[in-house]
Amino acid sequence: MPPYPHLVDLVRARIGALIFASVAGEDGDATRDRIHLSPGRRWFPEDAPICRVHADAAMFVGGIRALLLQSLHPLAMAGVAQHSGYRGDPWGRLQRTSEFLATTTFGTAADAERAVARVRGVHRRVRGVTADGTPYSASDPHLLRWVHAAEADSFLAAYRRYGSGQLDQADRDTYVAQTADVAEALGAVGSPRTERELGEQLDDFRAELRGTPEARAAARFILFSAPVPAAVRPAYGGLAAAGVGLMPWWSRWPLRLPYLPIAEATVVRAAGQAVTSGIRWATSRPSDQLESPEQDQPGAEPVSA
């Protein structure tokens, strides 16, 4: 037992609160209670693979990888560059994305349907033309399928490398199918239903992908210029390195990302494990209340909301 257990719990609570506020925003407590405590039917059972993956600290690594990978599609990146406030309000964008993921994964079916309707409404307004004159629309089912495939592959890869549990092949296929349900509710068509199909669709998209100046600028912002407090910048650096370390080899050069397989298998992997374990520790229940499960412990909720 630590010599000062209450001090340890205080530090844990402070760090956990900082992480939660960054992800969930000022109204995070109310949002979390609405998502997790509202009575009603859910889209997924609480022990479903999608719930296990989306509740884990590995999502922080997966989120970084997803953003980098998604940026390689010039139409998706044009929509982000021209319509998203990721530079001016990156935390707000993170919080909105986190709330959507949490609501569709853990919330009631009614809340999930409302969240989907809101996002579809936003997508209808996101349209334009790329620098080379190609029109795009965020409601394009093909483009939605790319965004979903990159996201699902990233979250699954991060959980397999840094997650707190294991997923067998059936679990991984179920995870892909469950995320496809959400993607198709948003308007995607033909989303993959198994891990094998997911890999095949990512390969099929490669002919459409390239590293545009906007994509490389976004990668630099995500990895080096995100507005992270100085005290936690080393931890963020570990998450960012872990996210890059999970990127496919063919995605590195278009974004000007390094490919250092030996370092990624040793130093980067160790850093990713350390940071995700630290997040998991900080957002877990304090040790002096482990024997009182009836108490409502905010830190015990999934990190995604």
C-alpha atoms as a PDB file:
ATOM      1  CA  MET A   1       0.000   0.000   0.000  1.00  0.00           C
ATOM      2  CA  PRO A   2       1.362   3.500  -0.789  1.00  0.00           C
ATOM      3  CA  PRO A   3       2.552   5.453   2.293  1.00  0.00           C
ATOM      4  CA  TYR A   4       0.002   8.211   1.622  1.00  0.00           C
ATOM      5  CA  PRO A   5      -3.005   6.495   0.034  1.00  0.00           C
ATOM      6  CA  HIS A   6      -5.281   9.518   0.269  1.00  0.00           C
ATOM      7  CA  LEU A   7      -2.672  11.739  -1.413  1.00  0.00           C
ATOM      8  CA  VAL A   8      -2.341   9.187  -4.202  1.00  0.00           C
ATOM      9  CA  ASP A   9      -6.100   9.176  -4.633  1.00  0.00           C
ATOM     10  CA  LEU A  10      -6.154  12.984  -4.671  1.00  0.00           C
ATOM     11  CA  VAL A  11      -3.512  13.083  -7.409  1.00  0.00           C
ATOM     12  CA  ARG A  12      -5.400  10.416  -9.320  1.00  0.00           C
ATOM     13  CA  ALA A  13      -8.653  12.365  -9.032  1.00  0.00           C
ATOM     14  CA  ARG A  14      -7.038  15.638 -10.161  1.00  0.00           C
ATOM     15  CA  ILE A  15      -5.395  14.080 -13.197  1.00  0.00           C
ATOM     16  CA  GLY A  16      -8.544  12.150 -14.037  1.00  0.00           C
ATOM     17  CA  ALA A  17     -10.636  15.310 -13.803  1.00  0.00           C
ATOM     18  CA  LEU A  18      -8.248  17.137 -16.144  1.00  0.00           C
ATOM     19  CA  ILE A  19      -8.446  14.340 -18.705  1.00  0.00           C
ATOM     20  CA  PHE A  20     -12.213  14.143 -18.420  1.00  0.00           C
ATOM     21  CA  ALA A  21     -12.672  17.917 -18.775  1.00  0.00           C
ATOM     22  CA  SER A  22     -10.479  17.963 -21.887  1.00  0.00           C
ATOM     23  CA  VAL A  23     -12.497  15.214 -23.535  1.00  0.00           C
ATOM     24  CA  ALA A  24     -15.998  16.008 -22.270  1.00  0.00           C
ATOM     25  CA  GLY A  25     -15.996  19.786 -21.763  1.00  0.00           C
ATOM     26  CA  GLU A  26     -17.539  21.981 -19.072  1.00  0.00           C
ATOM     27  CA  ASP A  27     -20.850  20.099 -19.053  1.00  0.00           C
ATOM     28  CA  GLY A  28     -19.162  16.720 -19.068  1.00  0.00           C
ATOM     29  CA  ASP A  29     -20.669  15.469 -15.822  1.00  0.00           C
ATOM     30  CA  ALA A  30     -24.218  16.185 -16.951  1.00  0.00           C
ATOM     31  CA  THR A  31     -23.554  14.727 -20.383  1.00  0.00           C
ATOM     32  CA  ARG A  32     -22.062  11.567 -18.890  1.00  0.00           C
ATOM     33  CA  ASP A  33     -24.999  11.089 -16.540  1.00  0.00           C
ATOM     34  CA  ARG A  34     -27.464  11.538 -19.393  1.00  0.00           C
ATOM     35  CA  ILE A  35     -25.617   9.060 -21.599  1.00  0.00           C
ATOM     36  CA  HIS A  36     -24.991   6.356 -19.019  1.00  0.00           C
ATOM     37  CA  LEU A  37     -27.853   6.709 -16.557  1.00  0.00           C
ATOM     38  CA  SER A  38     -30.873   7.493 -18.715  1.00  0.00           C
ATOM     39  CA  PRO A  39     -33.239   4.506 -18.785  1.00  0.00           C
ATOM     40  CA  GLY A  40     -34.062   2.946 -22.106  1.00  0.00           C
ATOM     41  CA  ARG A  41     -32.990   0.475 -24.748  1.00  0.00           C
ATOM     42  CA  ARG A  42     -29.408   0.776 -26.050  1.00  0.00           C
ATOM     43  CA  TRP A  43     -28.104  -0.011 -29.507  1.00  0.00           C
ATOM     44  CA  PHE A  44     -25.480  -2.327 -27.999  1.00  0.00           C
ATOM     45  CA  PRO A  45     -25.283  -4.509 -24.867  1.00  0.00           C
ATOM     46  CA  GLU A  46     -22.847  -3.262 -22.234  1.00  0.00           C
ATOM     47  CA  ASP A  47     -20.425  -6.149 -22.788  1.00  0.00           C
ATOM     48  CA  ALA A  48     -20.367  -5.726 -26.586  1.00  0.00           C
ATOM     49  CA  PRO A  49     -16.960  -5.375 -28.286  1.00  0.00           C
ATOM     50  CA  ILE A  50     -17.808  -1.812 -29.346  1.00  0.00           C
ATOM     51  CA  CYS A  51     -18.387  -0.876 -25.697  1.00  0.00           C
ATOM     52  CA  ARG A  52     -15.158  -2.511 -24.566  1.00  0.00           C
ATOM     53  CA  VAL A  53     -13.087  -0.757 -27.222  1.00  0.00           C
ATOM     54  CA  HIS A  54     -14.688   2.670 -26.938  1.00  0.00           C
ATOM     55  CA  ALA A  55     -14.396   2.708 -23.138  1.00  0.00           C
ATOM     56  CA  ASP A  56     -10.655   2.095 -23.131  1.00  0.00           C
ATOM     57  CA  ALA A  57      -7.774   4.559 -22.836  1.00  0.00           C
ATOM     58  CA  ALA A  58      -6.361   3.198 -26.097  1.00  0.00           C
ATOM     59  CA  MET A  59      -8.961   5.403 -27.816  1.00  0.00           C
ATOM     60  CA  PHE A  60      -6.612   8.349 -27.317  1.00  0.00           C
ATOM     61  CA  VAL A  61      -4.027   6.668 -29.530  1.00  0.00           C
ATOM     62  CA  GLY A  62      -6.671   5.480 -31.972  1.00  0.00           C
ATOM     63  CA  GLY A  63      -8.115   8.965 -32.304  1.00  0.00           C
ATOM     64  CA  ILE A  64      -4.776  10.453 -33.340  1.00  0.00           C
ATOM     65  CA  ARG A  65      -4.201   7.669 -35.868  1.00  0.00           C
ATOM     66  CA  ALA A  66      -7.719   8.084 -37.260  1.00  0.00           C
ATOM     67  CA  LEU A  67      -7.259  11.803 -37.861  1.00  0.00           C
ATOM     68  CA  LEU A  68      -3.944  11.260 -39.621  1.00  0.00           C
ATOM     69  CA  LEU A  69      -5.245   8.429 -41.775  1.00  0.00           C
ATOM     70  CA  GLN A  70      -8.501  10.195 -42.693  1.00  0.00           C
ATOM     71  CA  SER A  71      -6.572  13.257 -43.865  1.00  0.00           C
ATOM     72  CA  LEU A  72      -5.095  11.253 -46.748  1.00  0.00           C
ATOM     73  CA  HIS A  73      -8.347  11.417 -48.698  1.00  0.00           C
ATOM     74  CA  PRO A  74      -8.247  14.821 -50.458  1.00  0.00           C
ATOM     75  CA  LEU A  75     -12.030  15.239 -50.407  1.00  0.00           C
ATOM     76  CA  ALA A  76     -12.315  14.440 -46.700  1.00  0.00           C
ATOM     77  CA  MET A  77      -9.379  16.716 -45.940  1.00  0.00           C
ATOM     78  CA  ALA A  78     -10.857  19.553 -47.984  1.00  0.00           C
ATOM     79  CA  GLY A  79     -14.039  19.352 -45.937  1.00  0.00           C
ATOM     80  CA  VAL A  80     -12.070  19.509 -42.700  1.00  0.00           C
ATOM     81  CA  ALA A  81      -9.825  22.350 -43.890  1.00  0.00           C
ATOM     82  CA  GLN A  82     -12.675  24.480 -45.242  1.00  0.00           C
ATOM     83  CA  HIS A  83     -15.406  23.804 -42.688  1.00  0.00           C
ATOM     84  CA  SER A  84     -13.873  22.484 -39.470  1.00  0.00           C
ATOM     85  CA  GLY A  85     -12.600  24.620 -36.622  1.00  0.00           C
ATOM     86  CA  TYR A  86      -9.862  22.170 -35.741  1.00  0.00           C
ATOM     87  CA  ARG A  87      -7.226  24.897 -35.501  1.00  0.00           C
ATOM     88  CA  GLY A  88      -9.274  27.494 -33.693  1.00  0.00           C
ATOM     89  CA  ASP A  89     -11.216  25.090 -31.471  1.00  0.00           C
ATOM     90  CA  PRO A  90      -9.538  21.671 -31.428  1.00  0.00           C
ATOM     91  CA  TRP A  91     -10.819  20.805 -27.956  1.00  0.00           C
ATOM     92  CA  GLY A  92     -14.373  21.691 -28.935  1.00  0.00           C
ATOM     93  CA  ARG A  93     -14.123  19.392 -31.946  1.00  0.00           C
ATOM     94  CA  LEU A  94     -12.718  16.620 -29.750  1.00  0.00           C
ATOM     95  CA  GLN A  95     -15.532  17.060 -27.246  1.00  0.00           C
ATOM     96  CA  ARG A  96     -18.231  16.928 -29.917  1.00  0.00           C
ATOM     97  CA  THR A  97     -16.703  13.817 -31.446  1.00  0.00           C
ATOM     98  CA  SER A  98     -16.340  12.207 -28.039  1.00  0.00           C
ATOM     99  CA  GLU A  99     -19.947  12.927 -27.159  1.00  0.00           C
ATOM    100  CA  PHE A 100     -21.162  11.434 -30.439  1.00  0.00           C
ATOM    101  CA  LEU A 101     -19.111   8.257 -29.950  1.00  0.00           C
ATOM    102  CA  ALA A 102     -20.254   7.905 -26.353  1.00  0.00           C
ATOM    103  CA  THR A 103     -23.903   8.548 -27.165  1.00  0.00           C
ATOM    104  CA  THR A 104     -24.084   6.070 -30.028  1.00  0.00           C
ATOM    105  CA  THR A 105     -22.094   3.456 -28.092  1.00  0.00           C
ATOM    106  CA  PHE A 106     -23.484   3.756 -24.560  1.00  0.00           C
ATOM    107  CA  GLY A 107     -26.551   6.000 -24.736  1.00  0.00           C
ATOM    108  CA  THR A 108     -30.192   5.160 -25.217  1.00  0.00           C
ATOM    109  CA  ALA A 109     -31.406   4.331 -28.706  1.00  0.00           C
ATOM    110  CA  ALA A 110     -33.454   7.528 -28.717  1.00  0.00           C
ATOM    111  CA  ASP A 111     -30.425   9.658 -27.825  1.00  0.00           C
ATOM    112  CA  ALA A 112     -28.278   7.826 -30.384  1.00  0.00           C
ATOM    113  CA  GLU A 113     -30.841   8.486 -33.101  1.00  0.00           C
ATOM    114  CA  ARG A 114     -30.950  12.185 -32.209  1.00  0.00           C
ATOM    115  CA  ALA A 115     -27.137  12.365 -32.254  1.00  0.00           C
ATOM    116  CA  VAL A 116     -27.073  10.767 -35.710  1.00  0.00           C
ATOM    117  CA  ALA A 117     -29.730  13.172 -36.978  1.00  0.00           C
ATOM    118  CA  ARG A 118     -27.682  16.162 -35.754  1.00  0.00           C
ATOM    119  CA  VAL A 119     -24.533  14.959 -37.481  1.00  0.00           C
ATOM    120  CA  ARG A 120     -26.405  14.234 -40.696  1.00  0.00           C
ATOM    121  CA  GLY A 121     -27.748  17.778 -40.577  1.00  0.00           C
ATOM    122  CA  VAL A 122     -24.214  19.141 -40.244  1.00  0.00           C
ATOM    123  CA  HIS A 123     -23.012  16.936 -43.091  1.00  0.00           C
ATOM    124  CA  ARG A 124     -25.670  18.331 -45.429  1.00  0.00           C
ATOM    125  CA  ARG A 125     -24.150  21.797 -45.012  1.00  0.00           C
ATOM    126  CA  VAL A 126     -20.534  20.690 -45.530  1.00  0.00           C
ATOM    127  CA  ARG A 127     -19.904  20.859 -49.266  1.00  0.00           C
ATOM    128  CA  GLY A 128     -17.516  22.690 -51.538  1.00  0.00           C
ATOM    129  CA  VAL A 129     -14.759  22.367 -54.101  1.00  0.00           C
ATOM    130  CA  THR A 130     -11.152  21.274 -53.620  1.00  0.00           C
ATOM    131  CA  ALA A 131      -8.168  23.320 -54.817  1.00  0.00           C
ATOM    132  CA  ASP A 132      -8.118  21.342 -58.086  1.00  0.00           C
ATOM    133  CA  GLY A 133     -11.819  21.949 -58.720  1.00  0.00           C
ATOM    134  CA  THR A 134     -13.261  18.631 -57.531  1.00  0.00           C
ATOM    135  CA  PRO A 135     -16.616  18.998 -55.766  1.00  0.00           C
ATOM    136  CA  TYR A 136     -17.189  17.214 -52.466  1.00  0.00           C
ATOM    137  CA  SER A 137     -19.991  16.700 -49.969  1.00  0.00           C
ATOM    138  CA  ALA A 138     -19.740  15.350 -46.429  1.00  0.00           C
ATOM    139  CA  SER A 139     -22.976  13.448 -47.107  1.00  0.00           C
ATOM    140  CA  ASP A 140     -21.394  11.453 -49.945  1.00  0.00           C
ATOM    141  CA  PRO A 141     -21.907   7.773 -48.937  1.00  0.00           C
ATOM    142  CA  HIS A 142     -18.560   6.801 -50.482  1.00  0.00           C
ATOM    143  CA  LEU A 143     -16.690   9.470 -48.539  1.00  0.00           C
ATOM    144  CA  LEU A 144     -18.518   8.529 -45.337  1.00  0.00           C
ATOM    145  CA  ARG A 145     -17.414   4.941 -45.898  1.00  0.00           C
ATOM    146  CA  TRP A 146     -13.765   6.081 -46.070  1.00  0.00           C
ATOM    147  CA  VAL A 147     -14.012   8.166 -42.909  1.00  0.00           C
ATOM    148  CA  HIS A 148     -15.658   5.273 -41.102  1.00  0.00           C
ATOM    149  CA  ALA A 149     -13.180   2.650 -42.339  1.00  0.00           C
ATOM    150  CA  ALA A 150     -10.193   4.761 -41.274  1.00  0.00           C
ATOM    151  CA  GLU A 151     -11.751   5.355 -37.871  1.00  0.00           C
ATOM    152  CA  ALA A 152     -12.790   1.757 -37.202  1.00  0.00           C
ATOM    153  CA  ASP A 153      -9.406   0.421 -38.296  1.00  0.00           C
ATOM    154  CA  SER A 154      -7.616   2.947 -36.081  1.00  0.00           C
ATOM    155  CA  PHE A 155      -9.659   2.251 -32.948  1.00  0.00           C
ATOM    156  CA  LEU A 156      -9.318  -1.488 -33.432  1.00  0.00           C
ATOM    157  CA  ALA A 157      -5.565  -1.277 -34.077  1.00  0.00           C
ATOM    158  CA  ALA A 158      -5.053   0.894 -30.996  1.00  0.00           C
ATOM    159  CA  TYR A 159      -7.048  -1.449 -28.780  1.00  0.00           C
ATOM    160  CA  ARG A 160      -5.170  -4.481 -30.043  1.00  0.00           C
ATOM    161  CA  ARG A 161      -1.838  -2.797 -29.254  1.00  0.00           C
ATOM    162  CA  TYR A 162      -2.631  -0.746 -26.138  1.00  0.00           C
ATOM    163  CA  GLY A 163      -6.013  -1.914 -24.843  1.00  0.00           C
ATOM    164  CA  SER A 164      -6.622  -3.410 -21.412  1.00  0.00           C
ATOM    165  CA  GLY A 165      -8.169  -6.612 -22.773  1.00  0.00           C
ATOM    166  CA  GLN A 166      -8.057  -9.018 -25.659  1.00  0.00           C
ATOM    167  CA  LEU A 167     -10.382  -9.427 -28.617  1.00  0.00           C
ATOM    168  CA  ASP A 168     -10.527 -12.755 -30.429  1.00  0.00           C
ATOM    169  CA  GLN A 169     -11.390 -12.962 -34.115  1.00  0.00           C
ATOM    170  CA  ALA A 170     -15.118 -13.199 -33.461  1.00  0.00           C
ATOM    171  CA  ASP A 171     -14.946 -10.130 -31.202  1.00  0.00           C
ATOM    172  CA  ARG A 172     -13.011  -8.157 -33.815  1.00  0.00           C
ATOM    173  CA  ASP A 173     -15.497  -9.057 -36.525  1.00  0.00           C
ATOM    174  CA  THR A 174     -18.359  -8.095 -34.221  1.00  0.00           C
ATOM    175  CA  TYR A 175     -16.685  -4.774 -33.461  1.00  0.00           C
ATOM    176  CA  VAL A 176     -16.383  -3.979 -37.167  1.00  0.00           C
ATOM    177  CA  ALA A 177     -20.026  -4.935 -37.751  1.00  0.00           C
ATOM    178  CA  GLN A 178     -21.256  -2.863 -34.808  1.00  0.00           C
ATOM    179  CA  THR A 179     -19.378   0.237 -35.925  1.00  0.00           C
ATOM    180  CA  ALA A 180     -20.760  -0.335 -39.427  1.00  0.00           C
ATOM    181  CA  ASP A 181     -24.273  -0.050 -37.989  1.00  0.00           C
ATOM    182  CA  VAL A 182     -23.433   3.465 -36.769  1.00  0.00           C
ATOM    183  CA  ALA A 183     -21.718   4.406 -40.032  1.00  0.00           C
ATOM    184  CA  GLU A 184     -24.684   3.310 -42.110  1.00  0.00           C
ATOM    185  CA  ALA A 185     -27.066   5.211 -39.829  1.00  0.00           C
ATOM    186  CA  LEU A 186     -24.988   8.264 -40.788  1.00  0.00           C
ATOM    187  CA  GLY A 187     -25.406   7.488 -44.488  1.00  0.00           C
ATOM    188  CA  ALA A 188     -22.436   5.322 -45.389  1.00  0.00           C
ATOM    189  CA  VAL A 189     -23.158   2.529 -47.847  1.00  0.00           C
ATOM    190  CA  GLY A 190     -21.422  -0.830 -48.006  1.00  0.00           C
ATOM    191  CA  SER A 191     -19.420  -0.481 -44.789  1.00  0.00           C
ATOM    192  CA  PRO A 192     -17.288  -3.508 -43.924  1.00  0.00           C
ATOM    193  CA  ARG A 193     -18.763  -6.122 -41.615  1.00  0.00           C
ATOM    194  CA  THR A 194     -15.655  -8.169 -40.768  1.00  0.00           C
ATOM    195  CA  GLU A 195     -12.028  -7.376 -40.020  1.00  0.00           C
ATOM    196  CA  ARG A 196     -11.023  -8.918 -43.334  1.00  0.00           C
ATOM    197  CA  GLU A 197     -13.498  -6.761 -45.249  1.00  0.00           C
ATOM    198  CA  LEU A 198     -12.215  -3.719 -43.385  1.00  0.00           C
ATOM    199  CA  GLY A 199      -8.659  -4.390 -44.532  1.00  0.00           C
ATOM    200  CA  GLU A 200      -9.813  -5.006 -48.087  1.00  0.00           C
ATOM    201  CA  GLN A 201     -11.746  -1.730 -48.205  1.00  0.00           C
ATOM    202  CA  LEU A 202      -8.768   0.227 -46.898  1.00  0.00           C
ATOM    203  CA  ASP A 203      -6.646  -1.312 -49.656  1.00  0.00           C
ATOM    204  CA  ASP A 204      -9.288  -0.425 -52.238  1.00  0.00           C
ATOM    205  CA  PHE A 205      -9.232   3.216 -51.145  1.00  0.00           C
ATOM    206  CA  ARG A 206      -5.473   3.561 -51.565  1.00  0.00           C
ATOM    207  CA  ALA A 207      -5.794   4.637 -55.201  1.00  0.00           C
ATOM    208  CA  GLU A 208      -7.793   7.686 -54.042  1.00  0.00           C
ATOM    209  CA  LEU A 209      -5.411   8.755 -51.269  1.00  0.00           C
ATOM    210  CA  ARG A 210      -2.594  11.269 -51.405  1.00  0.00           C
ATOM    211  CA  GLY A 211      -0.741  13.668 -49.165  1.00  0.00           C
ATOM    212  CA  THR A 212      -2.037  17.142 -49.948  1.00  0.00           C
ATOM    213  CA  PRO A 213      -0.524  20.319 -48.439  1.00  0.00           C
ATOM    214  CA  GLU A 214      -3.656  20.559 -46.268  1.00  0.00           C
ATOM    215  CA  ALA A 215      -3.167  16.999 -45.017  1.00  0.00           C
ATOM    216  CA  ARG A 216       0.493  17.602 -44.155  1.00  0.00           C
ATOM    217  CA  ALA A 217      -0.408  20.840 -42.371  1.00  0.00           C
ATOM    218  CA  ALA A 218      -3.061  19.021 -40.364  1.00  0.00           C
ATOM    219  CA  ALA A 219      -0.567  16.291 -39.432  1.00  0.00           C
ATOM    220  CA  ARG A 220       1.948  18.886 -38.226  1.00  0.00           C
ATOM    221  CA  PHE A 221      -0.754  20.572 -36.154  1.00  0.00           C
ATOM    222  CA  ILE A 222      -1.935  17.305 -34.586  1.00  0.00           C
ATOM    223  CA  LEU A 223       1.556  16.072 -33.781  1.00  0.00           C
ATOM    224  CA  PHE A 224       3.448  19.252 -32.913  1.00  0.00           C
ATOM    225  CA  SER A 225       1.162  22.264 -32.492  1.00  0.00           C
ATOM    226  CA  ALA A 226      -1.909  21.042 -30.628  1.00  0.00           C
ATOM    227  CA  PRO A 227      -2.680  23.439 -27.724  1.00  0.00           C
ATOM    228  CA  VAL A 228      -1.642  21.071 -24.949  1.00  0.00           C
ATOM    229  CA  PRO A 229      -0.557  22.422 -21.531  1.00  0.00           C
ATOM    230  CA  ALA A 230       3.190  22.219 -20.997  1.00  0.00           C
ATOM    231  CA  ALA A 231       2.782  19.895 -18.020  1.00  0.00           C
ATOM    232  CA  VAL A 232       1.152  17.187 -20.108  1.00  0.00           C
ATOM    233  CA  ARG A 233       3.004  17.735 -23.372  1.00  0.00           C
ATOM    234  CA  PRO A 234       5.379  14.778 -22.750  1.00  0.00           C
ATOM    235  CA  ALA A 235       2.369  12.492 -22.259  1.00  0.00           C
ATOM    236  CA  TYR A 236       0.723  13.867 -25.394  1.00  0.00           C
ATOM    237  CA  GLY A 237       3.979  13.302 -27.244  1.00  0.00           C
ATOM    238  CA  GLY A 238       3.835   9.650 -26.183  1.00  0.00           C
ATOM    239  CA  LEU A 239       0.285   9.314 -27.483  1.00  0.00           C
ATOM    240  CA  ALA A 240       1.184  11.035 -30.749  1.00  0.00           C
ATOM    241  CA  ALA A 241       4.228   8.821 -31.279  1.00  0.00           C
ATOM    242  CA  ALA A 242       2.115   5.751 -30.545  1.00  0.00           C
ATOM    243  CA  GLY A 243      -0.489   6.909 -33.068  1.00  0.00           C
ATOM    244  CA  VAL A 244       2.160   7.399 -35.752  1.00  0.00           C
ATOM    245  CA  GLY A 245       3.667   4.031 -34.862  1.00  0.00           C
ATOM    246  CA  LEU A 246       0.373   2.335 -35.762  1.00  0.00           C
ATOM    247  CA  MET A 247       0.067   4.025 -39.162  1.00  0.00           C
ATOM    248  CA  PRO A 248       0.392   1.721 -42.200  1.00  0.00           C
ATOM    249  CA  TRP A 249       3.809   1.920 -43.835  1.00  0.00           C
ATOM    250  CA  TRP A 250       2.323   3.219 -47.089  1.00  0.00           C
ATOM    251  CA  SER A 251       0.749   6.199 -45.311  1.00  0.00           C
ATOM    252  CA  ARG A 252       3.996   7.601 -43.906  1.00  0.00           C
ATOM    253  CA  TRP A 253       5.645   9.373 -46.835  1.00  0.00           C
ATOM    254  CA  PRO A 254       2.515  11.191 -48.110  1.00  0.00           C
ATOM    255  CA  LEU A 255       2.221  12.839 -44.674  1.00  0.00           C
ATOM    256  CA  ARG A 256       6.005  13.093 -44.233  1.00  0.00           C
ATOM    257  CA  LEU A 257       5.866  10.851 -41.175  1.00  0.00           C
ATOM    258  CA  PRO A 258       8.937   8.874 -40.121  1.00  0.00           C
ATOM    259  CA  TYR A 259       9.057   5.103 -40.430  1.00  0.00           C
ATOM    260  CA  LEU A 260      11.365   3.692 -37.748  1.00  0.00           C
ATOM    261  CA  PRO A 261      10.282   0.086 -37.167  1.00  0.00           C
ATOM    262  CA  ILE A 262      12.885  -0.761 -34.523  1.00  0.00           C
ATOM    263  CA  ALA A 263      12.204   2.367 -32.445  1.00  0.00           C
ATOM    264  CA  GLU A 264       8.457   1.944 -32.878  1.00  0.00           C
ATOM    265  CA  ALA A 265       8.602  -1.650 -31.662  1.00  0.00           C
ATOM    266  CA  THR A 266      10.581  -0.697 -28.556  1.00  0.00           C
ATOM    267  CA  VAL A 267      10.712   2.905 -27.327  1.00  0.00           C
ATOM    268  CA  VAL A 268       7.478   4.125 -28.907  1.00  0.00           C
ATOM    269  CA  ARG A 269       5.543   1.040 -27.861  1.00  0.00           C
ATOM    270  CA  ALA A 270       6.787   1.357 -24.284  1.00  0.00           C
ATOM    271  CA  ALA A 271       5.833   5.044 -24.218  1.00  0.00           C
ATOM    272  CA  GLY A 272       2.382   4.284 -25.573  1.00  0.00           C
ATOM    273  CA  GLN A 273       1.852   1.579 -22.969  1.00  0.00           C
ATOM    274  CA  ALA A 274       3.006   3.887 -20.199  1.00  0.00           C
ATOM    275  CA  VAL A 275       0.752   6.779 -21.181  1.00  0.00           C
ATOM    276  CA  THR A 276      -2.360   4.695 -21.823  1.00  0.00           C
ATOM    277  CA  SER A 277      -1.807   2.836 -18.549  1.00  0.00           C
ATOM    278  CA  GLY A 278      -1.442   6.185 -16.806  1.00  0.00           C
ATOM    279  CA  ILE A 279      -4.709   7.447 -18.291  1.00  0.00           C
ATOM    280  CA  ARG A 280      -6.419   4.210 -17.288  1.00  0.00           C
ATOM    281  CA  TRP A 281      -5.082   4.592 -13.731  1.00  0.00           C
ATOM    282  CA  ALA A 282      -6.113   8.242 -13.475  1.00  0.00           C
ATOM    283  CA  THR A 283      -9.661   7.565 -14.665  1.00  0.00           C
ATOM    284  CA  SER A 284     -10.215   4.515 -12.462  1.00  0.00           C
ATOM    285  CA  ARG A 285     -11.939   4.400  -9.098  1.00  0.00           C
ATOM    286  CA  PRO A 286      -9.887   5.634  -6.113  1.00  0.00           C
ATOM    287  CA  SER A 287      -8.457   2.800  -4.048  1.00  0.00           C
ATOM    288  CA  ASP A 288     -10.128   3.810  -0.788  1.00  0.00           C
ATOM    289  CA  GLN A 289     -13.555   3.336  -2.417  1.00  0.00           C
ATOM    290  CA  LEU A 290     -12.999   0.089  -4.252  1.00  0.00           C
ATOM    291  CA  GLU A 291     -15.053  -1.739  -1.656  1.00  0.00           C
ATOM    292  CA  SER A 292     -18.048   0.573  -2.097  1.00  0.00           C
ATOM    293  CA  PRO A 293     -19.289  -0.137  -5.622  1.00  0.00           C
ATOM    294  CA  GLU A 294     -22.656   1.370  -4.836  1.00  0.00           C
ATOM    295  CA  GLN A 295     -21.108   4.833  -4.774  1.00  0.00           C
ATOM    296  CA  ASP A 296     -21.161   6.789  -8.003  1.00  0.00           C
ATOM    297  CA  GLN A 297     -17.564   7.233  -9.077  1.00  0.00           C
ATOM    298  CA  PRO A 298     -17.139   9.542 -12.078  1.00  0.00           C
ATOM    299  CA  GLY A 299     -13.644   8.256 -12.704  1.00  0.00           C
ATOM    300  CA  ALA A 300     -14.994   4.779 -13.332  1.00  0.00           C
ATOM    301  CA  GLU A 301     -16.926   5.866 -16.436  1.00  0.00           C
ATOM    302  CA  PRO A 302     -15.549   5.244 -19.925  1.00  0.00           C
ATOM    303  CA  VAL A 303     -12.944   7.761 -20.999  1.00  0.00           C
ATOM    304  CA  SER A 304     -14.901   8.467 -24.162  1.00  0.00           C
ATOM    305  CA  ALA A 305     -17.548  10.524 -22.422  1.00  0.00           C
END
